[in-house]
C-alpha atoms as a PDB file:
ATOM      1  CA  MET A   1      52.148  10.821 -30.690  1.00  0.00           C
ATOM      2  CA  LYS A   2      51.657  12.203 -34.048  1.00  0.00           C
ATOM      3  CA  MET A   3      50.736   8.525 -35.210  1.00  0.00           C
ATOM      4  CA  PHE A   4      47.257   9.092 -34.226  1.00  0.00           C
ATOM      5  CA  SER A   5      44.929  11.569 -35.031  1.00  0.00           C
ATOM      6  CA  ALA A   6      43.327  12.892 -31.356  1.00  0.00           C
ATOM      7  CA  ASP A   7      39.905  14.035 -32.692  1.00  0.00           C
ATOM      8  CA  ASN A   8      38.601  10.438 -33.089  1.00  0.00           C
ATOM      9  CA  ASP A   9      37.491   9.038 -29.664  1.00  0.00           C
ATOM     10  CA  GLU A  10      38.354   5.639 -30.382  1.00  0.00           C
ATOM     11  CA  GLN A  11      41.874   7.044 -31.095  1.00  0.00           C
ATOM     12  CA  TRP A  12      42.045   9.320 -27.782  1.00  0.00           C
ATOM     13  CA  ILE A  13      40.943   6.045 -26.062  1.00  0.00           C
ATOM     14  CA  THR A  14      44.182   3.992 -27.685  1.00  0.00           C
ATOM     15  CA  ILE A  15      46.502   7.376 -26.933  1.00  0.00           C
ATOM     16  CA  GLN A  16      45.040   7.276 -23.142  1.00  0.00           C
ATOM     17  CA  ASP A  17      46.103   3.706 -23.072  1.00  0.00           C
ATOM     18  CA  THR A  18      49.535   4.662 -24.368  1.00  0.00           C
ATOM     19  CA  ILE A  19      50.324   7.267 -22.043  1.00  0.00           C
ATOM     20  CA  SER A  20      48.814   5.365 -18.955  1.00  0.00           C
ATOM     21  CA  ASN A  21      51.410   2.620 -19.627  1.00  0.00           C
ATOM     22  CA  SER A  22      54.170   4.999 -19.690  1.00  0.00           C
ATOM     23  CA  ASP A  23      56.729   6.101 -17.112  1.00  0.00           C
ATOM     24  CA  TYR A  24      56.609   9.448 -18.299  1.00  0.00           C
ATOM     25  CA  TYR A  25      55.491  12.012 -20.811  1.00  0.00           C
ATOM     26  CA  CYS A  26      57.892  13.885 -22.785  1.00  0.00           C
ATOM     27  CA  LEU A  27      57.098  17.434 -23.539  1.00  0.00           C
ATOM     28  CA  ILE A  28      58.715  19.085 -26.697  1.00  0.00           C
ATOM     29  CA  ILE A  29      57.522  22.860 -27.294  1.00  0.00           C
ATOM     30  CA  GLY A  30      58.374  24.917 -29.917  1.00  0.00           C
ATOM     31  CA  HIS A  31      57.124  28.308 -31.399  1.00  0.00           C
ATOM     32  CA  ARG A  32      53.607  27.173 -32.491  1.00  0.00           C
ATOM     33  CA  TYR A  33      50.478  26.213 -30.442  1.00  0.00           C
ATOM     34  CA  GLY A  34      48.955  23.749 -33.052  1.00  0.00           C
ATOM     35  CA  SER A  35      45.759  22.299 -34.163  1.00  0.00           C
ATOM     36  CA  GLU A  36      42.755  22.543 -31.569  1.00  0.00           C
ATOM     37  CA  THR A  37      40.663  19.796 -30.970  1.00  0.00           C
ATOM     38  CA  LYS A  38      36.497  20.280 -30.887  1.00  0.00           C
ATOM     39  CA  GLU A  39      36.767  21.370 -27.260  1.00  0.00           C
ATOM     40  CA  GLY A  40      39.246  24.205 -28.432  1.00  0.00           C
ATOM     41  CA  ILE A  41      42.308  23.003 -26.807  1.00  0.00           C
ATOM     42  CA  GLY A  42      45.347  21.580 -28.560  1.00  0.00           C
ATOM     43  CA  TYR A  43      46.053  17.865 -28.873  1.00  0.00           C
ATOM     44  CA  THR A  44      49.439  18.065 -27.231  1.00  0.00           C
ATOM     45  CA  GLU A  45      47.734  20.029 -24.478  1.00  0.00           C
ATOM     46  CA  LYS A  46      44.952  17.402 -24.195  1.00  0.00           C
ATOM     47  CA  GLU A  47      47.271  15.054 -24.057  1.00  0.00           C
ATOM     48  CA  PHE A  48      49.574  16.694 -21.555  1.00  0.00           C
ATOM     49  CA  ASP A  49      46.542  17.384 -19.151  1.00  0.00           C
ATOM     50  CA  PHE A  50      45.548  13.765 -18.899  1.00  0.00           C
ATOM     51  CA  ALA A  51      49.140  13.228 -18.248  1.00  0.00           C
ATOM     52  CA  LYS A  52      48.653  15.414 -15.457  1.00  0.00           C
ATOM     53  CA  GLU A  53      45.542  13.879 -14.388  1.00  0.00           C
ATOM     54  CA  ILE A  54      46.931  10.433 -13.868  1.00  0.00           C
ATOM     55  CA  ASP A  55      49.915  12.118 -11.955  1.00  0.00           C
ATOM     56  CA  LEU A  56      52.379  10.921 -14.668  1.00  0.00           C
ATOM     57  CA  PRO A  57      55.835  12.510 -14.513  1.00  0.00           C
ATOM     58  CA  VAL A  58      56.309  15.163 -16.863  1.00  0.00           C
ATOM     59  CA  TYR A  59      59.807  16.190 -18.798  1.00  0.00           C
ATOM     60  CA  ALA A  60      59.074  19.165 -20.543  1.00  0.00           C
ATOM     61  CA  PHE A  61      61.701  20.798 -23.448  1.00  0.00           C
ATOM     62  CA  ILE A  62      60.823  24.317 -24.472  1.00  0.00           C
ATOM     63  CA  GLN A  63      62.610  25.583 -27.744  1.00  0.00           C
ATOM     64  CA  ASN A  64      64.679  29.022 -26.908  1.00  0.00           C
ATOM     65  CA  ARG A  65      62.572  31.581 -28.963  1.00  0.00           C
ATOM     66  CA  ASN A  66      65.537  33.087 -30.264  1.00  0.00           C
ATOM     67  CA  MET A  67      66.447  29.326 -32.068  1.00  0.00           C
ATOM     68  CA  PRO A  68      65.883  29.321 -35.774  1.00  0.00           C
ATOM     69  CA  THR A  69      63.553  27.073 -36.772  1.00  0.00           C
ATOM     70  CA  LYS A  70      63.564  27.015 -40.808  1.00  0.00           C
ATOM     71  CA  PRO A  71      66.453  25.750 -42.361  1.00  0.00           C
ATOM     72  CA  ILE A  72      67.558  28.620 -44.039  1.00  0.00           C
ATOM     73  CA  GLN A  73      67.467  30.796 -40.882  1.00  0.00           C
ATOM     74  CA  GLN A  74      69.554  28.198 -39.617  1.00  0.00           C
ATOM     75  CA  VAL A  75      72.283  28.954 -42.193  1.00  0.00           C
ATOM     76  CA  LEU A  76      72.104  32.883 -42.090  1.00  0.00           C
ATOM     77  CA  LYS A  77      72.622  32.712 -38.488  1.00  0.00           C
ATOM     78  CA  ARG A  78      75.799  30.404 -38.494  1.00  0.00           C
ATOM     79  CA  MET A  79      77.056  32.863 -41.472  1.00  0.00           C
ATOM     80  CA  ASN A  80      76.107  35.507 -39.123  1.00  0.00           C
ATOM     81  CA  PHE A  81      73.715  37.192 -41.812  1.00  0.00           C
ATOM     82  CA  PRO A  82      70.516  39.127 -40.731  1.00  0.00           C
ATOM     83  CA  GLU A  83      67.400  37.732 -41.491  1.00  0.00           C
END
């Protein structure tokens, strides 16, 4: 949903419509929480809460904490160099 700005009420309605018309909600979780809404929760959390509220199936993929996230970390890990 990165094409939307969830902080705008009109766009939040569009996001809700998009989620409501979906067969499932796919959640990909990385290492950072992200920006917060004016309600004090993350945009992704707001979308997730809405999906759960309407009983939409949720498929969550959580990145391993030890997985390198920056390209240089990936190269160093493949070469067995310490970071």
